Amino acid sequence: RTIANPETTEERRQQMRRELEGLRRERR
């Protein structure tokens, strides 16, 4: 949701994507 929010900065989106990758890996 943070990534999809148009008010989120690109820098914040990149951070969220990195964390998201880790979360999905942990979920597996």
PDB file of all heavy atoms in Angstrom:
ATOM      1  N   ARG A   1       0.826  -1.204   0.000  1.00  0.00           N
ATOM      2  CA  ARG A   1       0.000   0.000   0.000  1.00  0.00           C
ATOM      3  C   ARG A   1       0.861   1.255   0.000  1.00  0.00           C
ATOM      4  O   ARG A   1       0.523   2.261  -0.661  1.00  0.00           O
ATOM      5  CB  ARG A   1      -0.939  -0.010   1.214  1.00  0.00           C
ATOM      6  CG  ARG A   1      -2.079  -1.016   1.102  1.00  0.00           C
ATOM      7  CD  ARG A   1      -3.106  -0.834   2.199  1.00  0.00           C
ATOM      8  NE  ARG A   1      -2.557  -1.139   3.532  1.00  0.00           N
ATOM      9  CZ  ARG A   1      -2.522  -2.345   4.063  1.00  0.00           C
ATOM     10  NH1 ARG A   1      -2.985  -3.388   3.375  1.00  0.00           N
ATOM     11  NH2 ARG A   1      -2.043  -2.537   5.272  1.00  0.00           N
ATOM     12  N   THR A   2       1.963   1.204   0.743  1.00  0.00           N
ATOM     13  CA  THR A   2       2.867   2.359   0.760  1.00  0.00           C
ATOM     14  C   THR A   2       3.462   2.604  -0.619  1.00  0.00           C
ATOM     15  O   THR A   2       3.559   3.753  -1.092  1.00  0.00           O
ATOM     16  CB  THR A   2       4.001   2.136   1.779  1.00  0.00           C
ATOM     17  OG1 THR A   2       3.419   1.969   3.084  1.00  0.00           O
ATOM     18  CG2 THR A   2       4.960   3.308   1.793  1.00  0.00           C
ATOM     19  N   ILE A   3       3.853   1.530  -1.293  1.00  0.00           N
ATOM     20  CA  ILE A   3       4.431   1.657  -2.638  1.00  0.00           C
ATOM     21  C   ILE A   3       3.405   2.220  -3.616  1.00  0.00           C
ATOM     22  O   ILE A   3       3.720   3.059  -4.486  1.00  0.00           O
ATOM     23  CB  ILE A   3       4.956   0.283  -3.120  1.00  0.00           C
ATOM     24  CG1 ILE A   3       6.163  -0.144  -2.287  1.00  0.00           C
ATOM     25  CG2 ILE A   3       5.327   0.321  -4.606  1.00  0.00           C
ATOM     26  CD1 ILE A   3       6.619  -1.572  -2.535  1.00  0.00           C
ATOM     27  N   ALA A   4       2.138   1.775  -3.481  1.00  0.00           N
ATOM     28  CA  ALA A   4       1.087   2.211  -4.413  1.00  0.00           C
ATOM     29  C   ALA A   4       0.598   3.629  -4.123  1.00  0.00           C
ATOM     30  O   ALA A   4      -0.043   4.259  -4.982  1.00  0.00           O
ATOM     31  CB  ALA A   4      -0.092   1.240  -4.345  1.00  0.00           C
ATOM     32  N   ASN A   5       0.914   4.156  -2.969  1.00  0.00           N
ATOM     33  CA  ASN A   5       0.459   5.494  -2.601  1.00  0.00           C
ATOM     34  C   ASN A   5       1.181   6.541  -3.464  1.00  0.00           C
ATOM     35  O   ASN A   5       2.411   6.619  -3.451  1.00  0.00           O
ATOM     36  CB  ASN A   5       0.752   5.739  -1.120  1.00  0.00           C
ATOM     37  CG  ASN A   5       0.123   7.013  -0.602  1.00  0.00           C
ATOM     38  OD1 ASN A   5      -0.134   7.956  -1.353  1.00  0.00           O
ATOM     39  ND2 ASN A   5      -0.111   7.048   0.700  1.00  0.00           N
ATOM     40  N   PRO A   6       0.443   7.357  -4.206  1.00  0.00           N
ATOM     41  CA  PRO A   6       1.081   8.351  -5.083  1.00  0.00           C
ATOM     42  C   PRO A   6       1.894   9.398  -4.323  1.00  0.00           C
ATOM     43  O   PRO A   6       2.760  10.053  -4.906  1.00  0.00           O
ATOM     44  CB  PRO A   6      -0.105   8.988  -5.809  1.00  0.00           C
ATOM     45  CG  PRO A   6      -1.299   8.705  -4.956  1.00  0.00           C
ATOM     46  CD  PRO A   6      -1.033   7.397  -4.313  1.00  0.00           C
ATOM     47  N   GLU A   7       1.653   9.524  -3.023  1.00  0.00           N
ATOM     48  CA  GLU A   7       2.386  10.514  -2.244  1.00  0.00           C
ATOM     49  C   GLU A   7       3.725   9.967  -1.737  1.00  0.00           C
ATOM     50  O   GLU A   7       4.520  10.710  -1.168  1.00  0.00           O
ATOM     51  CB  GLU A   7       1.533  10.974  -1.068  1.00  0.00           C
ATOM     52  CG  GLU A   7       0.254  11.697  -1.492  1.00  0.00           C
ATOM     53  CD  GLU A   7      -0.536  12.211  -0.304  1.00  0.00           C
ATOM     54  OE1 GLU A   7      -0.068  12.000   0.851  1.00  0.00           O
ATOM     55  OE2 GLU A   7      -1.602  12.810  -0.494  1.00  0.00           O
ATOM     56  N   THR A   8       3.964   8.675  -1.927  1.00  0.00           N
ATOM     57  CA  THR A   8       5.224   8.081  -1.473  1.00  0.00           C
ATOM     58  C   THR A   8       6.365   8.507  -2.396  1.00  0.00           C
ATOM     59  O   THR A   8       6.245   8.428  -3.615  1.00  0.00           O
ATOM     60  CB  THR A   8       5.124   6.545  -1.453  1.00  0.00           C
ATOM     61  OG1 THR A   8       4.038   6.148  -0.604  1.00  0.00           O
ATOM     62  CG2 THR A   8       6.421   5.919  -0.950  1.00  0.00           C
ATOM     63  N   THR A   9       7.453   8.932  -1.808  1.00  0.00           N
ATOM     64  CA  THR A   9       8.606   9.342  -2.616  1.00  0.00           C
ATOM     65  C   THR A   9       9.267   8.124  -3.246  1.00  0.00           C
ATOM     66  O   THR A   9       9.123   6.993  -2.769  1.00  0.00           O
ATOM     67  CB  THR A   9       9.647  10.070  -1.753  1.00  0.00           C
ATOM     68  OG1 THR A   9      10.172   9.152  -0.774  1.00  0.00           O
ATOM     69  CG2 THR A   9       9.018  11.257  -1.028  1.00  0.00           C
ATOM     70  N   GLU A  10      10.013   8.375  -4.306  1.00  0.00           N
ATOM     71  CA  GLU A  10      10.687   7.271  -4.985  1.00  0.00           C
ATOM     72  C   GLU A  10      11.723   6.613  -4.066  1.00  0.00           C
ATOM     73  O   GLU A  10      11.910   5.386  -4.098  1.00  0.00           O
ATOM     74  CB  GLU A  10      11.367   7.783  -6.259  1.00  0.00           C
ATOM     75  CG  GLU A  10      12.007   6.689  -7.100  1.00  0.00           C
ATOM     76  CD  GLU A  10      11.002   5.614  -7.512  1.00  0.00           C
ATOM     77  OE1 GLU A  10       9.805   5.922  -7.696  1.00  0.00           O
ATOM     78  OE2 GLU A  10      11.427   4.442  -7.626  1.00  0.00           O
ATOM     79  N   GLU A  11      12.391   7.423  -3.301  1.00  0.00           N
ATOM     80  CA  GLU A  11      13.375   6.868  -2.367  1.00  0.00           C
ATOM     81  C   GLU A  11      12.694   5.923  -1.372  1.00  0.00           C
ATOM     82  O   GLU A  11      13.211   4.843  -1.070  1.00  0.00           O
ATOM     83  CB  GLU A  11      14.071   8.003  -1.615  1.00  0.00           C
ATOM     84  CG  GLU A  11      15.126   7.522  -0.619  1.00  0.00           C
ATOM     85  CD  GLU A  11      15.809   8.669   0.116  1.00  0.00           C
ATOM     86  OE1 GLU A  11      15.453   9.833  -0.144  1.00  0.00           O
ATOM     87  OE2 GLU A  11      16.673   8.372   0.963  1.00  0.00           O
ATOM     88  N   ARG A  12      11.524   6.340  -0.879  1.00  0.00           N
ATOM     89  CA  ARG A  12      10.773   5.512   0.064  1.00  0.00           C
ATOM     90  C   ARG A  12      10.281   4.236  -0.617  1.00  0.00           C
ATOM     91  O   ARG A  12      10.311   3.159  -0.025  1.00  0.00           O
ATOM     92  CB  ARG A  12       9.587   6.306   0.607  1.00  0.00           C
ATOM     93  CG  ARG A  12       8.684   5.568   1.588  1.00  0.00           C
ATOM     94  CD  ARG A  12       9.416   5.202   2.848  1.00  0.00           C
ATOM     95  NE  ARG A  12       8.487   4.701   3.862  1.00  0.00           N
ATOM     96  CZ  ARG A  12       8.845   3.997   4.902  1.00  0.00           C
ATOM     97  NH1 ARG A  12      10.132   3.705   5.096  1.00  0.00           N
ATOM     98  NH2 ARG A  12       7.954   3.596   5.783  1.00  0.00           N
ATOM     99  N   ARG A  13       9.858   4.354  -1.876  1.00  0.00           N
ATOM    100  CA  ARG A  13       9.398   3.169  -2.617  1.00  0.00           C
ATOM    101  C   ARG A  13      10.524   2.155  -2.772  1.00  0.00           C
ATOM    102  O   ARG A  13      10.319   0.948  -2.627  1.00  0.00           O
ATOM    103  CB  ARG A  13       8.877   3.573  -3.998  1.00  0.00           C
ATOM    104  CG  ARG A  13       7.511   4.208  -4.004  1.00  0.00           C
ATOM    105  CD  ARG A  13       6.917   4.222  -5.411  1.00  0.00           C
ATOM    106  NE  ARG A  13       5.606   4.843  -5.404  1.00  0.00           N
ATOM    107  CZ  ARG A  13       5.376   6.122  -5.660  1.00  0.00           C
ATOM    108  NH1 ARG A  13       6.405   6.932  -5.949  1.00  0.00           N
ATOM    109  NH2 ARG A  13       4.156   6.606  -5.623  1.00  0.00           N
ATOM    110  N   GLN A  14      11.715   2.622  -3.061  1.00  0.00           N
ATOM    111  CA  GLN A  14      12.849   1.712  -3.227  1.00  0.00           C
ATOM    112  C   GLN A  14      13.152   0.980  -1.924  1.00  0.00           C
ATOM    113  O   GLN A  14      13.444  -0.217  -1.914  1.00  0.00           O
ATOM    114  CB  GLN A  14      14.074   2.493  -3.711  1.00  0.00           C
ATOM    115  CG  GLN A  14      13.957   3.000  -5.151  1.00  0.00           C
ATOM    116  CD  GLN A  14      15.168   3.816  -5.575  1.00  0.00           C
ATOM    117  OE1 GLN A  14      16.110   3.984  -4.795  1.00  0.00           O
ATOM    118  NE2 GLN A  14      15.141   4.330  -6.806  1.00  0.00           N
ATOM    119  N   GLN A  15      13.071   1.730  -0.826  1.00  0.00           N
ATOM    120  CA  GLN A  15      13.282   1.100   0.485  1.00  0.00           C
ATOM    121  C   GLN A  15      12.226   0.039   0.750  1.00  0.00           C
ATOM    122  O   GLN A  15      12.534  -1.067   1.209  1.00  0.00           O
ATOM    123  CB  GLN A  15      13.256   2.152   1.585  1.00  0.00           C
ATOM    124  CG  GLN A  15      13.420   1.566   2.988  1.00  0.00           C
ATOM    125  CD  GLN A  15      13.210   2.610   4.077  1.00  0.00           C
ATOM    126  OE1 GLN A  15      13.089   3.805   3.805  1.00  0.00           O
ATOM    127  NE2 GLN A  15      13.142   2.161   5.316  1.00  0.00           N
ATOM    128  N   MET A  16      10.952   0.379   0.451  1.00  0.00           N
ATOM    129  CA  MET A  16       9.858  -0.553   0.660  1.00  0.00           C
ATOM    130  C   MET A  16      10.016  -1.796  -0.209  1.00  0.00           C
ATOM    131  O   MET A  16       9.723  -2.921   0.225  1.00  0.00           O
ATOM    132  CB  MET A  16       8.511   0.124   0.365  1.00  0.00           C
ATOM    133  CG  MET A  16       8.082   1.199   1.357  1.00  0.00           C
ATOM    134  SD  MET A  16       7.651   0.545   3.002  1.00  0.00           S
ATOM    135  CE  MET A  16       9.178   0.891   3.897  1.00  0.00           C
ATOM    136  N   ARG A  17      10.476  -1.620  -1.443  1.00  0.00           N
ATOM    137  CA  ARG A  17      10.660  -2.771  -2.335  1.00  0.00           C
ATOM    138  C   ARG A  17      11.735  -3.709  -1.797  1.00  0.00           C
ATOM    139  O   ARG A  17      11.601  -4.934  -1.884  1.00  0.00           O
ATOM    140  CB  ARG A  17      11.014  -2.286  -3.740  1.00  0.00           C
ATOM    141  CG  ARG A  17       9.858  -1.596  -4.466  1.00  0.00           C
ATOM    142  CD  ARG A  17      10.199  -1.340  -5.925  1.00  0.00           C
ATOM    143  NE  ARG A  17       9.125  -0.613  -6.598  1.00  0.00           N
ATOM    144  CZ  ARG A  17       9.176   0.690  -6.893  1.00  0.00           C
ATOM    145  NH1 ARG A  17      10.267   1.411  -6.571  1.00  0.00           N
ATOM    146  NH2 ARG A  17       8.173   1.283  -7.505  1.00  0.00           N
ATOM    147  N   ARG A  18      12.819  -3.114  -1.288  1.00  0.00           N
ATOM    148  CA  ARG A  18      13.874  -3.963  -0.709  1.00  0.00           C
ATOM    149  C   ARG A  18      13.349  -4.741   0.487  1.00  0.00           C
ATOM    150  O   ARG A  18      13.618  -5.941   0.630  1.00  0.00           O
ATOM    151  CB  ARG A  18      15.075  -3.097  -0.301  1.00  0.00           C
ATOM    152  CG  ARG A  18      15.885  -2.550  -1.493  1.00  0.00           C
ATOM    153  CD  ARG A  18      17.206  -1.982  -1.008  1.00  0.00           C
ATOM    154  NE  ARG A  18      17.028  -0.833  -0.117  1.00  0.00           N
ATOM    155  CZ  ARG A  18      16.937   0.428  -0.518  1.00  0.00           C
ATOM    156  NH1 ARG A  18      17.010   0.730  -1.823  1.00  0.00           N
ATOM    157  NH2 ARG A  18      16.785   1.413   0.361  1.00  0.00           N
ATOM    158  N   GLU A  19      12.609  -4.048   1.340  1.00  0.00           N
ATOM    159  CA  GLU A  19      12.052  -4.727   2.511  1.00  0.00           C
ATOM    160  C   GLU A  19      11.014  -5.756   2.092  1.00  0.00           C
ATOM    161  O   GLU A  19      10.917  -6.840   2.699  1.00  0.00           O
ATOM    162  CB  GLU A  19      11.437  -3.700   3.464  1.00  0.00           C
ATOM    163  CG  GLU A  19      12.471  -2.784   4.111  1.00  0.00           C
ATOM    164  CD  GLU A  19      11.848  -1.767   5.050  1.00  0.00           C
ATOM    165  OE1 GLU A  19      10.607  -1.822   5.236  1.00  0.00           O
ATOM    166  OE2 GLU A  19      12.581  -0.927   5.611  1.00  0.00           O
ATOM    167  N   LEU A  20      10.259  -5.439   1.075  1.00  0.00           N
ATOM    168  CA  LEU A  20       9.226  -6.359   0.595  1.00  0.00           C
ATOM    169  C   LEU A  20       9.849  -7.653   0.081  1.00  0.00           C
ATOM    170  O   LEU A  20       9.321  -8.750   0.320  1.00  0.00           O
ATOM    171  CB  LEU A  20       8.418  -5.677  -0.512  1.00  0.00           C
ATOM    172  CG  LEU A  20       7.126  -6.371  -0.981  1.00  0.00           C
ATOM    173  CD1 LEU A  20       6.182  -6.595   0.195  1.00  0.00           C
ATOM    174  CD2 LEU A  20       6.454  -5.520  -2.054  1.00  0.00           C
ATOM    175  N   GLU A  21      10.958  -7.515  -0.606  1.00  0.00           N
ATOM    176  CA  GLU A  21      11.652  -8.711  -1.090  1.00  0.00           C
ATOM    177  C   GLU A  21      12.079  -9.598   0.080  1.00  0.00           C
ATOM    178  O   GLU A  21      11.945 -10.832   0.024  1.00  0.00           O
ATOM    179  CB  GLU A  21      12.877  -8.302  -1.910  1.00  0.00           C
ATOM    180  CG  GLU A  21      13.648  -9.478  -2.492  1.00  0.00           C
ATOM    181  CD  GLU A  21      14.841  -9.025  -3.315  1.00  0.00           C
ATOM    182  OE1 GLU A  21      14.951  -7.810  -3.584  1.00  0.00           O
ATOM    183  OE2 GLU A  21      15.662  -9.896  -3.675  1.00  0.00           O
ATOM    184  N   GLY A  22      12.580  -8.974   1.146  1.00  0.00           N
ATOM    185  CA  GLY A  22      12.971  -9.737   2.324  1.00  0.00           C
ATOM    186  C   GLY A  22      11.781 -10.390   3.010  1.00  0.00           C
ATOM    187  O   GLY A  22      11.871 -11.537   3.470  1.00  0.00           O
ATOM    188  N   LEU A  23      10.664  -9.684   3.078  1.00  0.00           N
ATOM    189  CA  LEU A  23       9.469 -10.242   3.696  1.00  0.00           C
ATOM    190  C   LEU A  23       8.946 -11.447   2.918  1.00  0.00           C
ATOM    191  O   LEU A  23       8.547 -12.460   3.515  1.00  0.00           O
ATOM    192  CB  LEU A  23       8.380  -9.174   3.799  1.00  0.00           C
ATOM    193  CG  LEU A  23       8.588  -8.087   4.857  1.00  0.00           C
ATOM    194  CD1 LEU A  23       7.618  -6.930   4.641  1.00  0.00           C
ATOM    195  CD2 LEU A  23       8.431  -8.666   6.264  1.00  0.00           C
ATOM    196  N   ARG A  24       8.940 -11.342   1.603  1.00  0.00           N
ATOM    197  CA  ARG A  24       8.468 -12.465   0.793  1.00  0.00           C
ATOM    198  C   ARG A  24       9.394 -13.667   0.912  1.00  0.00           C
ATOM    199  O   ARG A  24       8.938 -14.812   0.907  1.00  0.00           O
ATOM    200  CB  ARG A  24       8.336 -12.023  -0.662  1.00  0.00           C
ATOM    201  CG  ARG A  24       7.134 -11.108  -0.890  1.00  0.00           C
ATOM    202  CD  ARG A  24       7.144 -10.486  -2.253  1.00  0.00           C
ATOM    203  NE  ARG A  24       5.902  -9.713  -2.488  1.00  0.00           N
ATOM    204  CZ  ARG A  24       5.768  -8.790  -3.427  1.00  0.00           C
ATOM    205  NH1 ARG A  24       6.799  -8.488  -4.226  1.00  0.00           N
ATOM    206  NH2 ARG A  24       4.626  -8.141  -3.567  1.00  0.00           N
ATOM    207  N   ARG A  25      10.684 -13.399   1.043  1.00  0.00           N
ATOM    208  CA  ARG A  25      11.641 -14.482   1.228  1.00  0.00           C
ATOM    209  C   ARG A  25      11.410 -15.156   2.588  1.00  0.00           C
ATOM    210  O   ARG A  25      11.427 -16.390   2.694  1.00  0.00           O
ATOM    211  CB  ARG A  25      13.057 -13.932   1.130  1.00  0.00           C
ATOM    212  CG  ARG A  25      14.143 -15.008   1.127  1.00  0.00           C
ATOM    213  CD  ARG A  25      15.472 -14.453   0.632  1.00  0.00           C
ATOM    214  NE  ARG A  25      15.839 -13.223   1.340  1.00  0.00           N
ATOM    215  CZ  ARG A  25      15.918 -12.019   0.763  1.00  0.00           C
ATOM    216  NH1 ARG A  25      15.653 -11.872  -0.532  1.00  0.00           N
ATOM    217  NH2 ARG A  25      16.282 -10.951   1.467  1.00  0.00           N
ATOM    218  N   GLU A  26      11.180 -14.339   3.601  1.00  0.00           N
ATOM    219  CA  GLU A  26      10.905 -14.898   4.922  1.00  0.00           C
ATOM    220  C   GLU A  26       9.611 -15.698   4.916  1.00  0.00           C
ATOM    221  O   GLU A  26       9.514 -16.753   5.548  1.00  0.00           O
ATOM    222  CB  GLU A  26      10.832 -13.795   5.977  1.00  0.00           C
ATOM    223  CG  GLU A  26      10.591 -14.336   7.386  1.00  0.00           C
ATOM    224  CD  GLU A  26      10.461 -13.246   8.438  1.00  0.00           C
ATOM    225  OE1 GLU A  26      10.597 -12.056   8.092  1.00  0.00           O
ATOM    226  OE2 GLU A  26      10.220 -13.605   9.610  1.00  0.00           O
ATOM    227  N   ARG A  27       8.615 -15.217   4.179  1.00  0.00           N
ATOM    228  CA  ARG A  27       7.342 -15.931   4.118  1.00  0.00           C
ATOM    229  C   ARG A  27       7.529 -17.318   3.510  1.00  0.00           C
ATOM    230  O   ARG A  27       6.930 -18.301   3.954  1.00  0.00           O
ATOM    231  CB  ARG A  27       6.317 -15.125   3.329  1.00  0.00           C
ATOM    232  CG  ARG A  27       4.891 -15.671   3.455  1.00  0.00           C
ATOM    233  CD  ARG A  27       3.916 -14.891   2.591  1.00  0.00           C
ATOM    234  NE  ARG A  27       2.540 -15.206   2.945  1.00  0.00           N
ATOM    235  CZ  ARG A  27       1.896 -16.313   2.568  1.00  0.00           C
ATOM    236  NH1 ARG A  27       2.538 -17.219   1.826  1.00  0.00           N
ATOM    237  NH2 ARG A  27       0.641 -16.519   2.928  1.00  0.00           N
ATOM    238  N   ARG A  28       8.348 -17.412   2.473  1.00  0.00           N
ATOM    239  CA  ARG A  28       8.610 -18.718   1.865  1.00  0.00           C
ATOM    240  C   ARG A  28       9.300 -19.646   2.868  1.00  0.00           C
ATOM    241  O   ARG A  28       8.978 -20.836   2.949  1.00  0.00           O
ATOM    242  CB  ARG A  28       9.471 -18.553   0.604  1.00  0.00           C
ATOM    243  CG  ARG A  28       8.746 -17.910  -0.572  1.00  0.00           C
ATOM    244  CD  ARG A  28       9.545 -18.046  -1.857  1.00  0.00           C
ATOM    245  NE  ARG A  28      10.801 -17.287  -1.804  1.00  0.00           N
ATOM    246  CZ  ARG A  28      10.932 -16.020  -2.192  1.00  0.00           C
ATOM    247  NH1 ARG A  28       9.874 -15.340  -2.640  1.00  0.00           N
ATOM    248  NH2 ARG A  28      12.101 -15.417  -2.135  1.00  0.00           N
TER     249      ARG A  28
END
